């Protein structure tokens, strides 16, 4: 059985007619769910959004405008009508091990298994393996795992936004969320400036002693031996256009070798093809700075905290959805707490004035918790989509051309389960 074996329950589940109560501005809203159309039992609505599970068929791993990329049953698929049908497909024996995909502006599709990266530039008629390059231009070759079924998640992401238009060109940047399932792996930020034809390392984290192959000597540890900054994995990488800079947040906790939760800021010199990164903050896990949902809107920094770990018995975890001027990130007194869900928020996206975030299921009393603000944080609602079971919404992706956000529902915390689509009523 593969590590990322799909647990598709889309045609085996039915929504409850009523979800758990939602809270808006301190008021309880009963009867969270009601039918949208009697003839369409797959779609339900709340006061703030419609939602539906992906239909049975390929696992819909990513979307962009009217396109969707999916996989399953030893094949990869491309849809041109928002996954209503699949116009293109190709054999791909490792389909169930796909951990990452991105549809580029020019139509290229970059996708990855656990330790291999591939590119198709002709709607899946062909695809080729991409070898990542180091900053010095050498081939970056994945390590040989002791267990070939545990090669590590070299390219898997927790967030769902990876591309930005900068000076008329598209930039692809993402980091790997790893070292939870799949075996130990080094932690990197990757980038491409040519629609996935060339992928390079923008930043490589140091050697974390806690995430190595068993029995490995320190001289052979995975990671950058010249970098003292260690982490477990990357939660989020996002571009701030006002500063022309990238912000990244990592996890997780201090295991005795130093803090693993950092905020980094990086700038890219396109002419020199060089990066300049600096660490803004390093903290332990019970902190609002532990985040998987960084967003920049109108020059302001928004983020969702998934603080956890040890804390004094008489204190609460430092959680919520926050906003500040990016210059004030290091000063909590200048942060505005927009909403306190009281639970870890694993991921967040902001688009067209709608803020959408998801609970980390193992840390929440909700089965599948969704937080939404339709008006940039002025009012809030919190729903439990309990019929899905214990699921963590992650990899929030921008709306497709039909207006639906795409969200991974991960079983418990991170094992792949279903895909959820959410359409705000704004």
Protein backbone atom coordinates (compact mmCIF):
# COMPACT_ATOMS: atom_id res chain seq x y z
CA UNK A 1 0.00 0.00 0.00
CA UNK A 2 1.44 3.41 -0.92
CA UNK A 3 1.98 6.14 1.65
CA UNK A 4 -0.41 8.52 -0.08
CA UNK A 5 -3.10 5.99 -0.98
CA UNK A 6 -6.33 7.77 -1.75
CA UNK A 7 -9.24 7.41 0.63
CA UNK A 8 -12.02 8.52 -1.70
CA UNK A 9 -15.37 8.60 0.07
CA UNK A 10 -17.14 11.05 -2.18
CA UNK A 11 -19.89 8.66 -3.26
CA UNK A 12 -20.15 6.86 0.07
CA UNK A 13 -21.05 9.85 2.21
CA UNK A 14 -24.07 12.06 2.52
CA UNK A 15 -24.14 15.44 4.16
CA UNK A 16 -26.11 15.94 7.34
CA UNK A 17 -29.07 18.23 6.82
CA UNK A 18 -27.84 20.23 9.77
CA UNK A 19 -24.24 21.00 10.66
CA UNK A 20 -22.93 22.08 14.01
CA UNK A 21 -23.82 25.62 15.00
CA UNK A 22 -21.76 28.47 13.58
CA UNK A 23 -20.71 31.53 15.51
CA UNK A 24 -20.83 35.00 13.95
CA UNK A 25 -19.85 38.00 16.05
CA UNK A 26 -20.73 36.09 19.22
CA UNK A 27 -24.17 35.01 17.95
CA UNK A 28 -25.09 31.35 17.48
CA UNK A 29 -26.52 30.49 14.07
CA UNK A 30 -28.48 27.22 14.16
CA UNK A 31 -29.26 25.04 11.17
CA UNK A 32 -25.92 25.69 9.51
CA UNK A 33 -26.70 23.52 6.48
CA UNK A 34 -29.72 23.41 4.19
CA UNK A 35 -30.31 21.93 0.75
CA UNK A 36 -29.40 24.04 -2.26
CA UNK A 37 -31.39 21.98 -4.74
CA UNK A 38 -33.47 18.94 -3.91
CA UNK A 39 -32.20 17.25 -7.05
CA UNK A 40 -28.54 17.87 -6.18
CA UNK A 41 -27.85 16.23 -2.82
CA UNK A 42 -24.07 16.71 -3.19
CA UNK A 43 -24.25 20.49 -2.76
CA UNK A 44 -25.09 22.10 0.58
CA UNK A 45 -25.15 25.65 1.75
CA UNK A 46 -24.46 27.61 4.90
CA UNK A 47 -25.27 31.25 5.47
CA UNK A 48 -21.89 32.15 3.98
CA UNK A 49 -21.02 29.53 1.34
CA UNK A 50 -21.97 26.50 -0.72
CA UNK A 51 -19.77 23.42 -0.47
CA UNK A 52 -19.43 20.06 -2.17
CA UNK A 53 -17.06 17.14 -2.28
CA UNK A 54 -15.23 16.40 -5.52
CA UNK A 55 -17.03 13.81 -7.64
CA UNK A 56 -15.78 10.28 -7.93
CA UNK A 57 -12.96 10.02 -10.43
CA UNK A 58 -9.43 11.41 -10.54
CA UNK A 59 -8.17 12.99 -7.34
CA UNK A 60 -8.26 16.72 -8.18
CA UNK A 61 -4.86 17.87 -6.98
CA UNK A 62 -4.76 21.41 -8.34
CA UNK A 63 -6.78 23.92 -10.33
CA UNK A 64 -6.31 27.18 -12.18
CA UNK A 65 -9.02 29.17 -13.96
CA UNK A 66 -10.94 26.52 -15.94
CA UNK A 67 -8.25 23.84 -15.70
CA UNK A 68 -7.76 21.04 -13.18
CA UNK A 69 -5.01 18.44 -12.77
CA UNK A 70 -5.87 15.06 -11.30
CA UNK A 71 -4.55 11.55 -10.90
CA UNK A 72 -5.59 8.01 -10.05
CA UNK A 73 -5.58 4.40 -11.26
CA UNK A 74 -2.12 4.69 -12.76
CA UNK A 75 -2.91 7.80 -14.83
CA UNK A 76 -2.64 11.58 -14.77
CA UNK A 77 -5.49 13.75 -16.05
CA UNK A 78 -6.13 17.30 -17.26
CA UNK A 79 -9.54 18.94 -17.39
CA UNK A 80 -10.41 22.11 -19.27
CA UNK A 81 -13.89 22.55 -17.78
CA UNK A 82 -13.26 22.63 -14.00
CA UNK A 83 -13.15 18.84 -13.59
CA UNK A 84 -16.52 18.21 -15.21
CA UNK A 85 -14.72 16.08 -17.78
CA UNK A 86 -11.14 15.06 -18.45
CA UNK A 87 -10.03 15.92 -21.98
CA UNK A 88 -6.43 14.73 -21.56
CA UNK A 89 -4.82 11.79 -19.79
CA UNK A 90 -1.64 9.74 -19.79
CA UNK A 91 -0.31 6.63 -18.15
CA UNK A 92 1.69 7.36 -15.01
CA UNK A 93 2.35 4.26 -12.86
CA UNK A 94 3.32 6.31 -9.78
CA UNK A 95 0.11 8.31 -9.82
CA UNK A 96 -0.85 7.39 -6.25
CA UNK A 97 2.47 8.80 -5.01
CA UNK A 98 1.91 12.30 -6.41
CA UNK A 99 2.40 14.86 -3.65
CA UNK A 100 2.48 18.19 -5.51
CA UNK A 101 1.24 19.83 -8.69
CA UNK A 102 0.95 23.32 -10.14
CA UNK A 103 -0.68 24.54 -13.35
CA UNK A 104 1.41 27.39 -14.77
CA UNK A 105 0.07 30.45 -16.61
CA UNK A 106 1.33 29.21 -20.00
CA UNK A 107 -0.37 25.83 -19.52
CA UNK A 108 2.66 23.88 -18.35
CA UNK A 109 2.00 21.43 -15.53
CA UNK A 110 4.69 20.79 -12.93
CA UNK A 111 3.99 17.80 -10.70
CA UNK A 112 5.92 15.61 -8.33
CA UNK A 113 5.91 12.23 -6.69
CA UNK A 114 7.59 11.89 -3.33
CA UNK A 115 11.12 12.50 -4.62
CA UNK A 116 10.80 13.10 -8.38
CA UNK A 117 9.68 16.19 -10.28
CA UNK A 118 8.04 16.17 -13.73
CA UNK A 119 6.92 18.70 -16.34
CA UNK A 120 4.39 18.48 -19.15
CA UNK A 121 4.19 21.30 -21.67
CA UNK A 122 1.71 19.69 -24.08
CA UNK A 123 -1.42 18.92 -22.04
CA UNK A 124 0.03 15.61 -20.74
CA UNK A 125 0.73 14.18 -24.21
CA UNK A 126 4.31 13.84 -22.90
CA UNK A 127 6.12 14.57 -19.67
CA UNK A 128 9.75 14.59 -18.62
CA UNK A 129 11.60 14.42 -15.34
CA UNK A 130 13.11 17.67 -14.06
CA UNK A 131 16.38 17.61 -12.14
CA UNK A 132 16.53 20.37 -9.54
CA UNK A 133 19.61 22.60 -9.59
CA UNK A 134 21.55 23.94 -6.60
CA UNK A 135 22.31 27.68 -6.37
CA UNK A 136 25.75 26.84 -7.79
CA UNK A 137 24.21 25.08 -10.81
CA UNK A 138 24.94 21.47 -9.86
CA UNK A 139 22.34 18.69 -10.02
CA UNK A 140 20.44 18.27 -6.76
CA UNK A 141 19.92 14.52 -6.43
CA UNK A 142 17.59 13.07 -3.77
CA UNK A 143 19.24 10.85 -1.18
CA UNK A 144 19.04 7.06 -1.43
CA UNK A 145 16.60 6.06 1.29
CA UNK A 146 17.25 3.04 3.48
CA UNK A 147 13.64 2.04 2.82
CA UNK A 148 12.73 2.67 -0.85
CA UNK A 149 9.09 3.03 0.19
CA UNK A 150 10.08 5.96 2.45
CA UNK A 151 12.06 8.31 0.16
CA UNK A 152 10.73 11.47 1.81
CA UNK A 153 8.41 14.20 0.57
CA UNK A 154 10.81 16.42 -1.34
CA UNK A 155 8.16 18.60 -3.03
CA UNK A 156 4.88 18.28 -1.12
CA UNK A 157 3.36 21.61 -0.03
CA UNK A 158 0.98 22.55 2.79
CA UNK A 159 -0.14 25.80 1.18
CA UNK A 160 -1.88 26.14 -2.18
CA UNK A 161 -0.66 29.40 -3.77
CA UNK A 162 2.72 29.14 -5.47
CA UNK A 163 2.79 31.54 -8.44
CA UNK A 164 2.95 35.33 -8.79
CA UNK A 165 3.20 37.68 -11.77
CA UNK A 166 6.21 39.95 -11.30
CA UNK A 167 7.27 42.48 -13.93
CA UNK A 168 5.29 40.64 -16.59
CA UNK A 169 6.74 37.22 -15.80
CA UNK A 170 5.45 34.39 -13.68
CA UNK A 171 7.46 33.30 -10.65
CA UNK A 172 6.91 29.89 -9.06
CA UNK A 173 8.11 29.52 -5.45
CA UNK A 174 7.22 26.87 -2.86
CA UNK A 175 8.62 24.94 0.09
CA UNK A 176 8.26 21.31 1.10
CA UNK A 177 6.09 20.27 4.03
CA UNK A 178 7.78 17.03 5.04
CA UNK A 179 9.12 14.84 7.87
CA UNK A 180 5.65 13.80 9.03
CA UNK A 181 4.97 10.89 6.69
CA UNK A 182 7.15 9.33 4.04
CA UNK A 183 10.56 9.26 5.68
CA UNK A 184 13.21 11.89 6.53
CA UNK A 185 14.03 14.49 3.89
CA UNK A 186 15.94 17.79 3.62
CA UNK A 187 13.90 21.00 3.74
CA UNK A 188 14.14 23.45 0.83
CA UNK A 189 12.48 26.41 -0.84
CA UNK A 190 12.30 25.88 -4.62
CA UNK A 191 11.72 28.31 -7.47
CA UNK A 192 11.32 28.53 -11.24
CA UNK A 193 11.36 31.58 -13.51
CA UNK A 194 10.72 29.73 -16.80
CA UNK A 195 7.39 27.94 -16.28
CA UNK A 196 8.90 24.89 -14.62
CA UNK A 197 11.50 24.07 -17.28
CA UNK A 198 14.23 24.82 -14.75
CA UNK A 199 13.70 24.39 -11.01
CA UNK A 200 16.34 25.57 -8.55
CA UNK A 201 16.85 25.79 -4.80
CA UNK A 202 16.23 29.25 -3.39
CA UNK A 203 17.07 28.31 0.20
CA UNK A 204 18.24 25.13 1.91
CA UNK A 205 17.76 24.63 5.64
CA UNK A 206 20.37 23.09 7.92
CA UNK A 207 20.80 19.56 9.22
CA UNK A 208 18.17 18.73 11.82
CA UNK A 209 19.45 15.78 13.91
CA UNK A 210 15.88 14.67 14.71
CA UNK A 211 14.92 13.97 11.08
CA UNK A 212 17.59 11.72 9.66
CA UNK A 213 17.89 8.14 8.46
CA UNK A 214 18.34 5.81 11.39
CA UNK A 215 21.99 5.25 12.29
CA UNK A 216 23.33 7.96 10.00
CA UNK A 217 26.58 9.62 11.05
CA UNK A 218 26.35 13.39 11.47
CA UNK A 219 28.75 13.94 8.58
CA UNK A 220 26.13 12.42 6.26
CA UNK A 221 23.06 14.19 7.65
CA UNK A 222 20.46 15.49 5.22
CA UNK A 223 20.34 19.26 4.86
CA UNK A 224 22.71 22.14 4.29
CA UNK A 225 25.80 21.63 6.49
CA UNK A 226 26.66 25.31 6.21
CA UNK A 227 23.33 26.62 7.55
CA UNK A 228 22.69 26.66 11.33
CA UNK A 229 18.97 27.39 10.79
CA UNK A 230 17.03 24.14 11.17
CA UNK A 231 13.36 23.29 10.87
CA UNK A 232 11.09 20.31 10.43
CA UNK A 233 9.26 21.56 7.35
CA UNK A 234 7.92 24.64 5.58
CA UNK A 235 4.37 25.81 6.24
CA UNK A 236 4.03 28.67 3.79
CA UNK A 237 5.89 30.79 1.23
CA UNK A 238 4.19 33.93 -0.11
CA UNK A 239 5.10 37.04 -2.12
CA UNK A 240 4.60 40.60 -0.85
CA UNK A 241 4.41 42.84 -3.95
CA UNK A 242 4.83 46.12 -2.07
CA UNK A 243 8.23 45.02 -0.80
CA UNK A 244 9.08 42.79 -3.76
CA UNK A 245 9.97 40.19 -1.17
CA UNK A 246 9.02 36.64 -0.18
CA UNK A 247 8.04 35.63 3.31
CA UNK A 248 8.28 32.04 4.57
CA UNK A 249 7.24 30.36 7.81
CA UNK A 250 8.47 27.00 9.08
CA UNK A 251 7.70 24.59 11.91
CA UNK A 252 7.73 23.11 14.42
CA UNK A 253 9.12 22.96 17.97
CA UNK A 254 12.40 23.08 19.90
CA UNK A 255 13.46 19.44 20.30
CA UNK A 256 16.72 20.29 22.02
CA UNK A 257 18.66 21.40 18.95
CA UNK A 258 17.19 24.87 18.55
CA UNK A 259 13.94 26.47 17.44
CA UNK A 260 12.39 25.06 14.29
CA UNK A 261 9.72 27.76 13.85
CA UNK A 262 11.07 30.72 11.86
CA UNK A 263 9.89 33.57 9.70
CA UNK A 264 12.23 34.33 6.81
CA UNK A 265 12.24 37.18 4.31
CA UNK A 266 13.89 36.73 0.93
CA UNK A 267 14.52 38.96 -2.05
CA UNK A 268 15.40 37.79 -5.55
CA UNK A 269 17.76 39.51 -7.98
CA UNK A 270 16.49 38.37 -11.38
CA UNK A 271 19.47 39.69 -13.33
CA UNK A 272 21.99 37.88 -11.14
CA UNK A 273 19.66 34.92 -10.42
CA UNK A 274 20.55 35.27 -6.73
CA UNK A 275 18.57 35.16 -3.48
CA UNK A 276 19.16 37.05 -0.26
CA UNK A 277 17.40 35.57 2.79
CA UNK A 278 17.36 36.64 6.42
CA UNK A 279 15.63 35.24 9.49
CA UNK A 280 13.10 37.68 10.96
CA UNK A 281 11.98 35.62 13.96
CA UNK A 282 12.72 32.32 15.64
CA UNK A 283 10.29 31.05 18.28
CA UNK A 284 9.01 27.92 19.97
CA UNK A 285 5.71 26.34 18.97
CA UNK A 286 3.35 28.08 21.43
CA UNK A 287 3.40 31.27 19.44
CA UNK A 288 1.19 33.24 17.07
CA UNK A 289 4.18 33.19 14.74
CA UNK A 290 3.69 29.49 14.00
CA UNK A 291 1.60 29.89 10.86
CA UNK A 292 0.46 28.08 7.74
CA UNK A 293 -1.58 30.92 6.31
CA UNK A 294 0.36 34.06 5.41
CA UNK A 295 -1.34 36.56 3.08
CA UNK A 296 -0.63 40.13 1.95
CA UNK A 297 -3.56 42.39 1.04
CA UNK A 298 -3.27 46.15 0.37
CA UNK A 299 0.15 46.23 2.01
CA UNK A 300 -1.06 44.59 5.22
CA UNK A 301 0.12 41.24 6.55
CA UNK A 302 -2.56 38.70 7.54
CA UNK A 303 -1.78 35.33 9.06
CA UNK A 304 -3.45 32.42 10.86
CA UNK A 305 -1.70 30.88 13.87
CA UNK A 306 -1.53 27.19 14.70
CA UNK A 307 0.28 27.64 18.02
CA UNK A 308 0.64 24.44 20.02
CA UNK A 309 3.09 22.69 22.31
CA UNK A 310 3.93 23.27 25.99
CA UNK A 311 2.48 26.29 27.80
CA UNK A 312 1.88 27.38 31.39
CA UNK A 313 -1.24 25.77 32.83
CA UNK A 314 -2.92 29.13 33.47
CA UNK A 315 -2.38 30.45 29.93
CA UNK A 316 -4.09 29.87 26.61
CA UNK A 317 -2.27 29.13 23.38
CA UNK A 318 -1.37 32.24 21.42
CA UNK A 319 -3.77 31.61 18.52
CA UNK A 320 -6.04 33.42 16.12
CA UNK A 321 -6.08 35.33 12.85
CA UNK A 322 -3.91 38.44 13.00
CA UNK A 323 -3.15 41.53 10.95
CA UNK A 324 -0.34 44.07 11.09
CA UNK A 325 1.93 46.23 9.01
CA UNK A 326 4.78 43.95 7.89
CA UNK A 327 7.25 46.30 9.60
CA UNK A 328 5.54 45.52 12.93
CA UNK A 329 5.69 41.73 12.69
CA UNK A 330 8.15 41.41 15.59
CA UNK A 331 6.05 43.61 17.92
CA UNK A 332 2.92 41.76 19.17
CA UNK A 333 1.61 45.00 20.71
CA UNK A 334 1.04 46.31 17.19
CA UNK A 335 -0.88 43.24 16.00
CA UNK A 336 -4.66 43.27 15.57
CA UNK A 337 -6.42 40.04 16.56
CA UNK A 338 -9.18 39.77 13.95
CA UNK A 339 -10.64 36.47 15.11
CA UNK A 340 -9.84 33.87 17.76
CA UNK A 341 -11.05 30.43 16.75
CA UNK A 342 -9.46 28.95 19.93
CA UNK A 343 -8.10 26.13 17.76
CA UNK A 344 -5.01 25.67 15.60
CA UNK A 345 -5.61 27.03 12.10
CA UNK A 346 -3.63 25.01 9.61
CA UNK A 347 -4.07 27.06 6.43
CA UNK A 348 -5.68 30.28 5.16
CA UNK A 349 -6.37 32.06 1.87
CA UNK A 350 -7.69 35.55 1.06
CA UNK A 351 -9.29 36.36 -2.29
CA UNK A 352 -11.79 39.02 -3.36
CA UNK A 353 -12.28 40.15 0.23
CA UNK A 354 -13.07 36.63 1.51
CA UNK A 355 -10.89 35.11 4.23
CA UNK A 356 -11.08 31.32 4.44
CA UNK A 357 -9.22 29.17 6.99
CA UNK A 358 -9.32 25.61 8.31
CA UNK A 359 -8.89 23.92 11.68
CA UNK A 360 -6.18 21.37 12.43
CA UNK A 361 -8.52 18.47 13.23
CA UNK A 362 -6.51 16.68 15.96
CA UNK A 363 -6.39 19.92 17.97
CA UNK A 364 -10.03 20.94 17.48
CA UNK A 365 -13.36 19.90 18.97
CA UNK A 366 -14.76 20.33 15.44
CA UNK A 367 -14.60 17.39 13.04
CA UNK A 368 -13.90 19.56 9.98
CA UNK A 369 -13.65 23.19 11.03
CA UNK A 370 -14.01 26.03 8.52
CA UNK A 371 -13.58 29.72 9.40
CA UNK A 372 -14.83 32.39 7.00
CA UNK A 373 -15.05 36.17 6.83
CA UNK A 374 -16.85 37.62 3.80
CA UNK A 375 -15.65 41.17 4.43
CA UNK A 376 -11.90 41.17 5.19
CA UNK A 377 -12.32 40.43 8.87
CA UNK A 378 -15.21 42.69 9.88
CA UNK A 379 -17.52 39.73 10.57
CA UNK A 380 -16.79 36.06 11.04
CA UNK A 381 -18.43 32.64 10.99
CA UNK A 382 -17.13 29.25 12.08
CA UNK A 383 -18.67 25.99 10.83
CA UNK A 384 -18.19 22.33 11.59
CA UNK A 385 -18.64 20.24 8.44
CA UNK A 386 -18.92 17.25 10.74
CA UNK A 387 -20.18 14.72 8.21
CA UNK A 388 -16.70 14.47 6.68
CA UNK A 389 -15.26 13.12 9.92
CA UNK A 390 -11.98 14.33 11.44
CA UNK A 391 -10.44 16.27 8.56
CA UNK A 392 -7.89 19.10 8.34
CA UNK A 393 -8.48 21.54 5.46
CA UNK A 394 -5.15 22.47 3.81
CA UNK A 395 -3.75 23.51 0.42
CA UNK A 396 -6.39 26.20 -0.11
CA UNK A 397 -6.25 27.17 -3.79
CA UNK A 398 -7.68 30.26 -5.51
CA UNK A 399 -11.14 30.11 -7.02
CA UNK A 400 -11.59 28.49 -10.41
CA UNK A 401 -13.50 30.15 -13.24
CA UNK A 402 -16.77 28.90 -11.71
CA UNK A 403 -15.98 30.61 -8.40
CA UNK A 404 -15.06 27.56 -6.26
CA UNK A 405 -12.06 27.40 -3.92
CA UNK A 406 -10.35 23.97 -3.92
CA UNK A 407 -9.30 22.55 -0.53
CA UNK A 408 -7.59 19.31 0.47
CA UNK A 409 -9.29 17.45 3.32
CA UNK A 410 -6.57 15.51 5.09
CA UNK A 411 -7.49 12.54 7.26
CA UNK A 412 -6.68 13.48 10.85
CA UNK A 413 -3.83 15.80 10.04
CA UNK A 414 -1.92 15.09 6.83
CA UNK A 415 -2.87 11.78 5.18
CA UNK A 416 -4.74 12.42 1.94
CA UNK A 417 -8.49 11.85 2.00
CA UNK A 418 -10.98 13.95 -0.02
CA UNK A 419 -11.16 17.22 -1.96
CA UNK A 420 -13.66 19.90 -0.95
CA UNK A 421 -14.93 22.81 -3.03
CA UNK A 422 -16.24 25.97 -1.33
CA UNK A 423 -18.08 28.81 -3.07
CA UNK A 424 -18.62 32.00 -1.03
CA UNK A 425 -21.94 33.79 -1.30
CA UNK A 426 -20.37 37.21 -1.70
